[in-house]
């Protein structure tokens, strides 16, 4: 009981110090005692005592592994520990002359000292000074800029975001060299204090949209934010919907293109995925590469993507419905061949489809979770071996294996992983409806999904725009990808107050003959 009481007193003391703002004192020992109490049992926090000019007591506080030790020695400790000149105006002016650090910030409270040390900036405290200095010497291990694994392209930039927000912001600024590119930073997470940045183009982004994004982020009250998905679920309009309402991307060029359309980009420290809002179903089906190839080829690929989008959702359901209820829809020779192949299969078509789909999803997840060297081999060889063994054992029929394989290939054509995962989830209730009601069940399922999509909004923008509500002007980037000289206006719902993104008469006008 005594141990519990002492522990509770210590917890209450910590909580009280966290809640109250403690200004720094001119007594160096008191300041160090307060900071040591907060960093109790933190072996990686270093308290380095030394004398400035051999006369004035000072304390350097930093976290091992977060600060640049070499610069700390050469730019701070070495010059400050040298003998102080006899004639000097003040300690602060002398320190300004000696410290060769680019960024120095004054701190006035214990909480500010804690915040800066956790960011990797060492704190310098001096005797008889009621303020400290935060030295911009943060340095930690970071990943190099590489090609994004989840959004590979044949033609286009090969740079992808990393887990450091400052590098991600620099990658965007390299593409948009304009002072109108603005950022608003904030900290989210009681314990994690994760840095989050709102990026937008002033003059292109609607102020109402910007204010709504800012308000939703400010309302978040959570212990920690470790990935952008934490924030995505807390700010989207319909969190119970399986459809993603915020676009996640690893590509700086995709963020730059969205900013030029008047959208808002949200960057989160610790993750390579940026969030783009608002988004639509059309945006989730578009790829950056659509705009890096000739418009005729991009249009053809886009049509192919729309076709396989429907197949990835409906192909197993159509197969089950036809075999169970609508055999007359299939040519006689084909239905007889399918019936012969299913002669030794003991299960109805719906059970057969569910078995194969669950097995295929398990193989896909195994391929993702296993190390890269063996993941692809396991998923491919496993699918071949299990499929062939299931056919020989009479558990499934060859047409069903072909349907499931084609469905898997169709799902890989969807450029956004989270949208593909949504279709994988909806495929199962669609198969159950097809196995119980046939084509009528498929139509019922499609009607429910379409009704749900019509009700969705992403920061007030209809999810099915420009198809619903219909906008003729936006059709040039919906069913087709029009040439750039026709894409003269921004999307209506995000850039209507600054609609034109290029000058008039951009269409090439080649000279005829020898003129």
Protein backbone atom coordinates (compact mmCIF):
# COMPACT_ATOMS: atom_id res chain seq x y z
CA UNK A 1 0.00 0.00 0.00
CA UNK A 2 2.86 2.35 0.84
CA UNK A 3 4.47 1.57 -2.52
CA UNK A 4 1.21 2.35 -4.32
CA UNK A 5 0.85 5.66 -2.50
CA UNK A 6 4.41 6.75 -3.29
CA UNK A 7 3.93 5.71 -6.93
CA UNK A 8 0.65 7.63 -7.15
CA UNK A 9 2.31 10.73 -5.66
CA UNK A 10 5.06 10.52 -8.26
CA UNK A 11 2.51 10.16 -11.07
CA UNK A 12 0.50 13.11 -9.74
CA UNK A 13 3.69 15.16 -9.53
CA UNK A 14 4.54 14.37 -13.14
CA UNK A 15 1.01 15.18 -14.30
CA UNK A 16 1.03 18.47 -12.41
CA UNK A 17 4.30 19.49 -14.02
CA UNK A 18 2.95 18.55 -17.45
CA UNK A 19 -0.19 20.61 -16.99
CA UNK A 20 1.48 23.73 -15.58
CA UNK A 21 3.83 25.91 -17.60
CA UNK A 22 7.08 26.17 -15.61
CA UNK A 23 9.14 29.24 -16.51
CA UNK A 24 12.90 28.90 -16.40
CA UNK A 25 14.58 30.30 -13.34
CA UNK A 26 17.83 32.23 -13.09
CA UNK A 27 19.00 29.44 -10.79
CA UNK A 28 20.67 26.87 -13.04
CA UNK A 29 20.39 24.05 -10.51
CA UNK A 30 16.62 24.46 -10.20
CA UNK A 31 16.19 24.31 -13.95
CA UNK A 32 18.31 21.16 -14.19
CA UNK A 33 16.39 19.54 -11.34
CA UNK A 34 13.03 20.14 -13.05
CA UNK A 35 14.25 18.74 -16.35
CA UNK A 36 15.91 15.75 -14.69
CA UNK A 37 12.63 14.93 -12.94
CA UNK A 38 10.77 14.86 -16.23
CA UNK A 39 13.53 12.78 -17.84
CA UNK A 40 13.72 10.35 -14.94
CA UNK A 41 14.77 6.82 -16.03
CA UNK A 42 15.75 8.11 -19.50
CA UNK A 43 19.30 6.81 -19.92
CA UNK A 44 19.67 8.30 -23.40
CA UNK A 45 19.26 11.89 -22.17
CA UNK A 46 22.66 13.48 -21.60
CA UNK A 47 23.31 16.33 -19.14
CA UNK A 48 26.72 17.86 -19.91
CA UNK A 49 28.11 20.39 -17.43
CA UNK A 50 30.90 22.77 -18.43
CA UNK A 51 32.24 26.27 -17.83
CA UNK A 52 31.82 29.03 -20.40
CA UNK A 53 35.16 30.76 -20.77
CA UNK A 54 36.36 28.92 -17.69
CA UNK A 55 34.13 31.09 -15.46
CA UNK A 56 30.34 30.74 -16.00
CA UNK A 57 28.51 27.50 -15.22
CA UNK A 58 26.46 26.08 -18.08
CA UNK A 59 24.55 22.93 -18.89
CA UNK A 60 24.04 21.26 -22.25
CA UNK A 61 21.07 18.87 -22.49
CA UNK A 62 20.53 16.62 -25.49
CA UNK A 63 19.31 13.14 -26.42
CA UNK A 64 21.87 10.69 -27.70
CA UNK A 65 21.05 9.64 -31.26
CA UNK A 66 18.89 12.67 -32.09
CA UNK A 67 21.57 15.39 -32.15
CA UNK A 68 24.62 15.99 -34.33
CA UNK A 69 27.44 15.14 -31.93
CA UNK A 70 30.23 16.32 -34.23
CA UNK A 71 28.69 19.77 -34.71
CA UNK A 72 27.93 19.93 -31.00
CA UNK A 73 31.62 19.48 -30.20
CA UNK A 74 33.06 21.79 -32.88
CA UNK A 75 30.42 24.56 -32.99
CA UNK A 76 29.29 24.75 -29.36
CA UNK A 77 31.52 23.15 -26.74
CA UNK A 78 34.94 23.98 -28.21
CA UNK A 79 34.37 27.73 -28.77
CA UNK A 80 32.46 28.26 -25.52
CA UNK A 81 35.03 26.52 -23.31
CA UNK A 82 37.84 28.74 -24.56
CA UNK A 83 39.04 31.58 -22.35
CA UNK A 84 36.72 34.57 -22.27
CA UNK A 85 38.10 37.97 -23.20
CA UNK A 86 38.44 40.39 -20.32
CA UNK A 87 36.63 43.19 -22.17
CA UNK A 88 33.19 42.06 -23.36
CA UNK A 89 29.83 43.76 -23.36
CA UNK A 90 27.70 40.88 -22.09
CA UNK A 91 27.58 37.10 -21.93
CA UNK A 92 24.79 36.87 -24.51
CA UNK A 93 26.62 38.99 -27.08
CA UNK A 94 29.83 37.02 -26.51
CA UNK A 95 27.93 33.76 -27.04
CA UNK A 96 26.39 35.09 -30.26
CA UNK A 97 29.89 35.74 -31.56
CA UNK A 98 31.20 32.31 -30.57
CA UNK A 99 28.30 30.02 -31.50
CA UNK A 100 28.47 29.04 -35.18
CA UNK A 101 25.04 27.46 -35.32
CA UNK A 102 22.64 28.48 -38.10
CA UNK A 103 19.40 28.21 -36.13
CA UNK A 104 19.15 29.30 -32.49
CA UNK A 105 15.80 29.66 -30.70
CA UNK A 106 15.18 31.20 -27.29
CA UNK A 107 13.26 29.05 -24.80
CA UNK A 108 11.62 30.45 -21.70
CA UNK A 109 9.87 27.47 -20.09
CA UNK A 110 10.76 23.94 -19.05
CA UNK A 111 8.13 22.61 -21.47
CA UNK A 112 9.84 24.34 -24.38
CA UNK A 113 13.15 22.77 -23.33
CA UNK A 114 11.55 19.32 -23.30
CA UNK A 115 9.90 19.91 -26.69
CA UNK A 116 13.14 20.96 -28.38
CA UNK A 117 15.25 18.17 -26.92
CA UNK A 118 12.70 15.61 -28.10
CA UNK A 119 13.00 17.13 -31.59
CA UNK A 120 16.78 16.62 -31.41
CA UNK A 121 17.77 20.23 -30.67
CA UNK A 122 20.22 20.49 -27.73
CA UNK A 123 19.36 22.98 -24.99
CA UNK A 124 21.98 25.33 -23.55
CA UNK A 125 21.27 26.69 -20.06
CA UNK A 126 23.53 29.28 -18.39
CA UNK A 127 23.83 30.36 -14.76
CA UNK A 128 22.02 33.62 -13.89
CA UNK A 129 20.03 33.46 -17.15
CA UNK A 130 16.24 32.92 -17.00
CA UNK A 131 16.12 31.74 -20.58
CA UNK A 132 17.85 29.07 -22.59
CA UNK A 133 18.93 28.48 -26.15
CA UNK A 134 17.68 25.67 -28.39
CA UNK A 135 20.41 24.87 -30.91
CA UNK A 136 19.30 23.64 -34.32
CA UNK A 137 21.57 20.60 -34.42
CA UNK A 138 18.98 17.84 -34.84
CA UNK A 139 20.22 14.83 -36.77
CA UNK A 140 18.94 11.26 -36.94
CA UNK A 141 19.02 8.31 -39.28
CA UNK A 142 16.75 8.75 -42.30
CA UNK A 143 15.91 6.75 -45.38
CA UNK A 144 17.16 7.86 -48.77
CA UNK A 145 14.71 9.03 -51.43
CA UNK A 146 13.73 6.00 -53.51
CA UNK A 147 11.13 4.97 -56.05
CA UNK A 148 7.74 4.39 -54.34
CA UNK A 149 7.04 0.67 -54.19
CA UNK A 150 3.25 0.99 -54.20
CA UNK A 151 2.97 3.37 -57.21
CA UNK A 152 5.52 2.33 -59.80
CA UNK A 153 5.33 3.93 -63.25
CA UNK A 154 6.94 3.22 -66.61
CA UNK A 155 7.33 6.91 -67.51
CA UNK A 156 7.55 9.63 -64.92
CA UNK A 157 9.55 10.72 -61.85
CA UNK A 158 11.05 7.94 -59.74
CA UNK A 159 11.20 9.90 -56.47
CA UNK A 160 9.00 8.95 -53.55
CA UNK A 161 8.32 10.39 -50.13
CA UNK A 162 10.28 9.27 -47.06
CA UNK A 163 9.47 9.31 -43.33
CA UNK A 164 10.95 12.79 -42.76
CA UNK A 165 8.45 15.62 -43.24
CA UNK A 166 11.08 18.26 -44.08
CA UNK A 167 12.42 16.15 -46.97
CA UNK A 168 8.88 15.52 -48.22
CA UNK A 169 8.15 19.23 -48.17
CA UNK A 170 11.37 19.90 -50.08
CA UNK A 171 10.38 17.34 -52.74
CA UNK A 172 7.12 19.24 -53.30
CA UNK A 173 8.85 22.63 -53.39
CA UNK A 174 11.26 21.37 -56.05
CA UNK A 175 8.24 20.91 -58.31
CA UNK A 176 6.32 24.05 -57.34
CA UNK A 177 8.84 26.89 -57.09
CA UNK A 178 6.36 29.48 -56.00
CA UNK A 179 6.01 31.62 -52.85
CA UNK A 180 2.28 30.91 -53.08
CA UNK A 181 2.97 27.37 -51.85
CA UNK A 182 2.07 27.67 -48.16
CA UNK A 183 2.36 25.33 -45.18
CA UNK A 184 0.68 25.33 -41.78
CA UNK A 185 2.33 23.13 -39.15
CA UNK A 186 0.88 21.74 -35.95
CA UNK A 187 1.56 19.03 -33.38
CA UNK A 188 -0.97 16.22 -32.94
CA UNK A 189 -0.77 13.58 -30.24
CA UNK A 190 -0.49 14.09 -26.50
CA UNK A 191 2.49 11.75 -26.17
CA UNK A 192 3.87 11.48 -29.70
CA UNK A 193 3.71 15.21 -30.56
CA UNK A 194 3.71 14.25 -34.23
CA UNK A 195 4.35 17.10 -36.65
CA UNK A 196 1.60 17.51 -39.23
CA UNK A 197 1.72 20.01 -42.09
CA UNK A 198 -1.14 21.35 -44.23
CA UNK A 199 0.17 22.24 -47.69
CA UNK A 200 -1.83 24.37 -50.14
CA UNK A 201 -1.50 26.90 -52.94
CA UNK A 202 -2.66 30.34 -51.94
CA UNK A 203 -4.95 31.74 -54.60
CA UNK A 204 -5.90 28.29 -55.87
CA UNK A 205 -7.26 26.58 -52.75
CA UNK A 206 -10.69 27.58 -51.51
CA UNK A 207 -10.40 29.24 -48.10
CA UNK A 208 -13.50 27.37 -46.89
CA UNK A 209 -11.87 24.03 -47.69
CA UNK A 210 -8.65 25.08 -45.99
CA UNK A 211 -10.51 26.18 -42.86
CA UNK A 212 -12.46 22.91 -42.73
CA UNK A 213 -9.28 20.81 -42.99
CA UNK A 214 -7.62 22.89 -40.28
CA UNK A 215 -10.64 22.61 -37.95
CA UNK A 216 -10.85 18.83 -38.34
CA UNK A 217 -7.17 18.44 -37.54
CA UNK A 218 -7.38 20.76 -34.54
CA UNK A 219 -10.22 18.66 -33.08
CA UNK A 220 -8.05 15.53 -32.89
CA UNK A 221 -7.20 14.61 -29.29
CA UNK A 222 -5.29 11.33 -29.18
CA UNK A 223 -2.28 9.91 -27.35
CA UNK A 224 -0.19 9.33 -30.44
CA UNK A 225 -0.15 9.49 -34.24
CA UNK A 226 2.21 6.86 -35.69
CA UNK A 227 0.94 6.80 -39.29
CA UNK A 228 -1.25 8.91 -41.56
CA UNK A 229 -4.11 6.37 -41.30
CA UNK A 230 -4.68 7.53 -37.69
CA UNK A 231 -5.52 11.00 -38.97
CA UNK A 232 -7.38 9.78 -42.06
CA UNK A 233 -9.94 7.89 -39.98
CA UNK A 234 -10.43 10.87 -37.66
CA UNK A 235 -11.08 13.53 -40.32
CA UNK A 236 -12.97 11.74 -43.11
CA UNK A 237 -16.69 12.40 -43.58
CA UNK A 238 -17.96 8.80 -43.34
CA UNK A 239 -15.54 6.67 -41.27
CA UNK A 240 -17.83 3.61 -41.40
CA UNK A 241 -17.70 3.45 -45.21
CA UNK A 242 -15.36 0.87 -46.78
CA UNK A 243 -14.47 3.34 -49.57
CA UNK A 244 -11.47 5.62 -48.99
CA UNK A 245 -12.46 9.29 -48.91
CA UNK A 246 -8.91 10.66 -48.76
CA UNK A 247 -6.31 9.80 -51.37
CA UNK A 248 -2.99 8.46 -50.01
CA UNK A 249 0.10 8.69 -52.19
CA UNK A 250 3.87 8.30 -51.97
CA UNK A 251 4.49 10.43 -55.07
CA UNK A 252 5.52 14.12 -54.80
CA UNK A 253 4.42 14.72 -58.42
CA UNK A 254 0.89 13.51 -57.60
CA UNK A 255 0.78 15.95 -54.66
CA UNK A 256 2.03 18.81 -56.84
CA UNK A 257 -0.63 18.08 -59.46
CA UNK A 258 -3.36 18.01 -56.79
CA UNK A 259 -2.15 21.31 -55.33
CA UNK A 260 -2.42 22.91 -58.76
CA UNK A 261 -6.04 21.72 -58.88
CA UNK A 262 -6.80 23.57 -55.64
CA UNK A 263 -6.69 20.58 -53.32
CA UNK A 264 -5.02 20.31 -49.91
CA UNK A 265 -2.12 17.97 -49.06
CA UNK A 266 -1.54 16.75 -45.49
CA UNK A 267 1.97 15.56 -44.59
CA UNK A 268 2.62 13.55 -41.41
CA UNK A 269 5.99 12.99 -39.76
CA UNK A 270 7.03 9.34 -39.66
CA UNK A 271 5.23 8.08 -42.77
CA UNK A 272 5.97 8.26 -46.51
CA UNK A 273 2.28 8.57 -47.37
CA UNK A 274 0.75 12.00 -47.96
CA UNK A 275 -3.01 12.58 -47.84
CA UNK A 276 -4.86 14.56 -50.51
CA UNK A 277 -8.29 16.05 -49.85
CA UNK A 278 -10.88 16.21 -51.20
CA UNK A 279 -10.89 13.13 -53.41
CA UNK A 280 -13.37 11.31 -55.63
CA UNK A 281 -13.78 7.80 -56.99
CA UNK A 282 -12.44 9.10 -60.30
CA UNK A 283 -9.23 10.31 -58.63
CA UNK A 284 -8.70 6.88 -57.05
CA UNK A 285 -8.92 5.26 -60.50
CA UNK A 286 -6.44 7.66 -62.10
CA UNK A 287 -2.69 7.15 -62.21
CA UNK A 288 0.05 9.77 -62.46
CA UNK A 289 1.23 8.02 -65.60
CA UNK A 290 -2.05 8.91 -67.36
CA UNK A 291 -0.67 12.43 -67.79
CA UNK A 292 2.87 11.42 -68.78
CA UNK A 293 1.92 9.51 -71.95
CA UNK A 294 0.12 10.45 -75.17
CA UNK A 295 -3.54 11.12 -74.52
CA UNK A 296 -4.75 8.41 -76.94
CA UNK A 297 -2.77 5.73 -75.13
CA UNK A 298 -3.78 7.09 -71.71
CA UNK A 299 -7.46 7.01 -72.70
CA UNK A 300 -7.21 3.39 -73.86
CA UNK A 301 -5.47 2.34 -70.63
CA UNK A 302 -8.08 4.21 -68.61
CA UNK A 303 -10.91 2.34 -70.35
CA UNK A 304 -9.11 -0.94 -69.67
CA UNK A 305 -8.79 0.05 -66.02
CA UNK A 306 -12.51 0.83 -65.76
CA UNK A 307 -13.34 -2.55 -67.35
CA UNK A 308 -11.18 -4.48 -64.91
CA UNK A 309 -12.49 -2.39 -62.02
CA UNK A 310 -15.92 -3.87 -62.74
CA UNK A 311 -14.55 -7.37 -63.33
CA UNK A 312 -12.65 -7.40 -60.04
CA UNK A 313 -15.93 -6.80 -58.23
CA UNK A 314 -18.41 -8.79 -60.33
CA UNK A 315 -16.67 -11.63 -62.20
CA UNK A 316 -16.92 -14.36 -59.49
CA UNK A 317 -20.50 -13.27 -58.72
CA UNK A 318 -21.53 -13.49 -62.39
CA UNK A 319 -19.97 -16.94 -62.68
CA UNK A 320 -21.82 -18.18 -59.59
CA UNK A 321 -25.14 -16.64 -60.72
CA UNK A 322 -24.92 -18.14 -64.22
CA UNK A 323 -24.03 -21.63 -63.00
CA UNK A 324 -26.66 -21.60 -60.24
CA UNK A 325 -29.65 -19.88 -61.87
CA UNK A 326 -29.09 -18.71 -65.44
CA UNK A 327 -27.56 -21.55 -67.45
CA UNK A 328 -29.58 -20.42 -70.49
CA UNK A 329 -27.37 -17.33 -70.78
CA UNK A 330 -24.36 -19.48 -71.74
CA UNK A 331 -23.93 -21.16 -75.17
CA UNK A 332 -24.86 -24.85 -75.08
CA UNK A 333 -21.41 -26.22 -75.86
CA UNK A 334 -19.79 -24.01 -73.23
CA UNK A 335 -22.29 -24.92 -70.49
CA UNK A 336 -21.87 -28.62 -71.30
CA UNK A 337 -18.09 -28.26 -71.04
CA UNK A 338 -18.41 -26.44 -67.71
CA UNK A 339 -20.85 -29.04 -66.42
CA UNK A 340 -18.43 -31.85 -67.39
CA UNK A 341 -15.58 -30.11 -65.57
CA UNK A 342 -17.74 -29.82 -62.42
CA UNK A 343 -18.94 -33.42 -62.54
CA UNK A 344 -16.69 -34.57 -59.67
CA UNK A 345 -16.91 -31.35 -57.61
CA UNK A 346 -19.01 -32.03 -54.46
CA UNK A 347 -19.75 -28.38 -53.64
CA UNK A 348 -22.19 -25.92 -55.17
CA UNK A 349 -20.73 -23.03 -57.16
CA UNK A 350 -21.05 -20.51 -54.30
CA UNK A 351 -19.06 -22.70 -51.87
CA UNK A 352 -16.48 -23.42 -54.56
CA UNK A 353 -16.06 -19.70 -55.25
CA UNK A 354 -15.74 -18.82 -51.56
CA UNK A 355 -13.08 -21.52 -51.03
CA UNK A 356 -10.99 -20.30 -53.94
CA UNK A 357 -11.35 -16.61 -53.11
CA UNK A 358 -10.37 -17.10 -49.46
CA UNK A 359 -7.38 -19.23 -50.53
CA UNK A 360 -6.28 -16.65 -53.10
CA UNK A 361 -6.52 -13.81 -50.56
CA UNK A 362 -4.48 -15.84 -48.06
CA UNK A 363 -1.77 -16.43 -50.68
CA UNK A 364 -1.74 -12.75 -51.57
CA UNK A 365 -1.34 -11.70 -47.93
CA UNK A 366 1.38 -14.31 -47.41
CA UNK A 367 3.27 -12.93 -50.41
CA UNK A 368 3.07 -9.40 -48.97
CA UNK A 369 4.15 -10.31 -45.41
CA UNK A 370 6.99 -12.67 -46.30
CA UNK A 371 10.48 -11.32 -47.13
CA UNK A 372 10.74 -9.97 -50.67
CA UNK A 373 13.18 -12.68 -51.75
CA UNK A 374 10.67 -15.49 -51.17
CA UNK A 375 7.34 -13.63 -51.03
CA UNK A 376 6.76 -13.49 -54.78
CA UNK A 377 7.89 -17.09 -55.24
CA UNK A 378 5.56 -18.35 -52.52
CA UNK A 379 2.55 -16.47 -53.89
CA UNK A 380 3.08 -17.60 -57.51
CA UNK A 381 4.22 -21.19 -56.87
CA UNK A 382 1.67 -21.58 -54.08
CA UNK A 383 -1.18 -20.50 -56.36
CA UNK A 384 -0.07 -22.89 -59.12
CA UNK A 385 0.47 -25.86 -56.80
CA UNK A 386 -2.68 -25.38 -54.75
CA UNK A 387 -4.81 -24.70 -57.84
CA UNK A 388 -3.58 -27.80 -59.64
CA UNK A 389 -3.89 -29.96 -56.51
CA UNK A 390 -7.44 -28.70 -55.87
CA UNK A 391 -8.46 -29.56 -59.45
CA UNK A 392 -6.98 -33.05 -59.25
CA UNK A 393 -8.60 -33.65 -55.87
CA UNK A 394 -11.99 -32.65 -57.29
CA UNK A 395 -12.50 -29.81 -54.82
CA UNK A 396 -12.81 -27.09 -57.47
CA UNK A 397 -13.26 -27.01 -61.23
CA UNK A 398 -10.78 -25.57 -63.78
CA UNK A 399 -13.16 -22.75 -64.87
CA UNK A 400 -13.42 -21.56 -61.27
CA UNK A 401 -9.63 -21.43 -60.94
CA UNK A 402 -9.46 -19.40 -64.16
CA UNK A 403 -12.18 -17.00 -62.93
CA UNK A 404 -10.43 -16.42 -59.59
CA UNK A 405 -7.06 -15.89 -61.30
CA UNK A 406 -8.56 -13.38 -63.75
CA UNK A 407 -10.24 -11.59 -60.86
CA UNK A 408 -6.91 -11.33 -59.05
CA UNK A 409 -5.23 -9.91 -62.15
CA UNK A 410 -8.07 -7.40 -62.54
CA UNK A 411 -7.62 -6.18 -58.96
CA UNK A 412 -3.91 -5.49 -59.63
CA UNK A 413 -4.81 -2.99 -62.36
CA UNK A 414 -6.37 -0.63 -59.79
CA UNK A 415 -3.73 2.05 -59.06
CA UNK A 416 -4.70 2.63 -55.40
CA UNK A 417 -4.17 -0.22 -52.93
CA UNK A 418 -6.88 0.90 -50.50
CA UNK A 419 -9.51 0.99 -53.26
CA UNK A 420 -8.43 -2.48 -54.39
CA UNK A 421 -8.75 -3.73 -50.82
CA UNK A 422 -12.29 -2.31 -50.70
CA UNK A 423 -13.28 -4.27 -53.81
CA UNK A 424 -11.73 -7.42 -52.34
CA UNK A 425 -13.93 -6.96 -49.29
CA UNK A 426 -17.14 -6.27 -51.26
CA UNK A 427 -16.55 -9.26 -53.52
CA UNK A 428 -17.68 -11.70 -50.82
CA UNK A 429 -21.15 -10.25 -50.07
CA UNK A 430 -21.68 -9.91 -53.84
CA UNK A 431 -20.93 -13.63 -54.28
CA UNK A 432 -23.34 -14.53 -51.49
CA UNK A 433 -26.09 -12.43 -53.10
CA UNK A 434 -25.37 -14.06 -56.47
CA UNK A 435 -25.51 -17.54 -54.94
CA UNK A 436 -28.88 -16.90 -53.30
CA UNK A 437 -30.72 -14.62 -55.76
CA UNK A 438 -28.77 -14.90 -59.01
CA UNK A 439 -28.60 -11.87 -61.30
CA UNK A 440 -31.27 -10.23 -59.19
CA UNK A 441 -28.94 -10.44 -56.18
CA UNK A 442 -26.11 -8.88 -58.18
CA UNK A 443 -28.36 -6.01 -59.25
CA UNK A 444 -29.52 -5.55 -55.66
CA UNK A 445 -25.90 -5.43 -54.44
CA UNK A 446 -24.93 -2.93 -57.15
CA UNK A 447 -27.91 -0.76 -56.28
CA UNK A 448 -26.89 -0.71 -52.60
CA UNK A 449 -23.27 0.16 -53.49
CA UNK A 450 -24.32 2.88 -55.96
CA UNK A 451 -26.73 4.41 -53.45
CA UNK A 452 -23.99 4.44 -50.84
CA UNK A 453 -21.53 6.06 -53.25
CA UNK A 454 -24.07 8.77 -54.11
CA UNK A 455 -24.34 9.71 -50.42
CA UNK A 456 -20.59 9.93 -49.83
CA UNK A 457 -18.80 13.27 -49.59
CA UNK A 458 -15.14 14.10 -49.24
CA UNK A 459 -14.91 17.44 -47.48
CA UNK A 460 -18.20 18.40 -49.09
CA UNK A 461 -17.27 17.24 -52.62
CA UNK A 462 -19.60 14.53 -54.06
CA UNK A 463 -17.75 11.23 -54.30
CA UNK A 464 -19.04 10.42 -57.80
CA UNK A 465 -18.39 13.81 -59.34
CA UNK A 466 -18.28 14.76 -62.19
CA UNK A 467 -20.70 11.94 -63.10
CA UNK A 468 -23.07 12.68 -60.20
CA UNK A 469 -23.79 15.53 -60.16
CA UNK A 470 -23.26 15.71 -63.91
CA UNK A 471 -20.70 18.25 -65.06
CA UNK A 472 -20.14 18.35 -68.80
CA UNK A 473 -17.02 20.48 -68.50
CA UNK A 474 -15.22 17.82 -66.45
CA UNK A 475 -15.98 14.94 -68.84
CA UNK A 476 -12.75 15.69 -70.74
CA UNK A 477 -10.80 14.10 -67.86
CA UNK A 478 -13.26 11.36 -66.91
CA UNK A 479 -14.06 8.82 -69.61
CA UNK A 480 -11.17 10.10 -71.71
CA UNK A 481 -7.93 11.87 -70.99
CA UNK A 482 -8.13 14.89 -73.24
CA UNK A 483 -4.91 16.44 -74.63
CA UNK A 484 -3.28 19.07 -72.45
CA UNK A 485 -4.32 21.93 -74.70
CA UNK A 486 -7.95 21.09 -73.84
CA UNK A 487 -7.41 20.77 -70.08
CA UNK A 488 -7.49 24.52 -69.61
CA UNK A 489 -9.69 24.64 -66.50
CA UNK A 490 -9.33 23.28 -62.98
CA UNK A 491 -11.87 20.89 -61.44
CA UNK A 492 -15.08 22.77 -60.80
CA UNK A 493 -15.58 21.88 -57.13
CA UNK A 494 -12.05 22.70 -55.93
CA UNK A 495 -10.84 25.51 -58.21
CA UNK A 496 -13.96 27.29 -59.41
CA UNK A 497 -12.94 30.73 -58.15
CA UNK A 498 -9.62 30.51 -60.07
CA UNK A 499 -10.70 28.29 -62.96
CA UNK A 500 -8.03 28.74 -65.65
CA UNK A 501 -4.69 26.97 -65.35
CA UNK A 502 -3.24 27.82 -68.76
CA UNK A 503 -3.49 30.52 -71.36
CA UNK A 504 -5.75 30.49 -74.40
CA UNK A 505 -4.86 29.01 -77.79
CA UNK A 506 -2.47 26.33 -76.50
CA UNK A 507 -3.37 23.91 -79.30
CA UNK A 508 -0.39 23.27 -81.63
CA UNK A 509 -0.77 24.88 -85.04
CA UNK A 510 1.83 23.30 -87.36
CA UNK A 511 2.58 24.98 -90.65
CA UNK A 512 1.23 23.31 -93.75
CA UNK A 513 3.57 22.17 -96.50
CA UNK A 514 6.51 24.45 -96.99
CA UNK A 515 4.95 27.55 -95.44
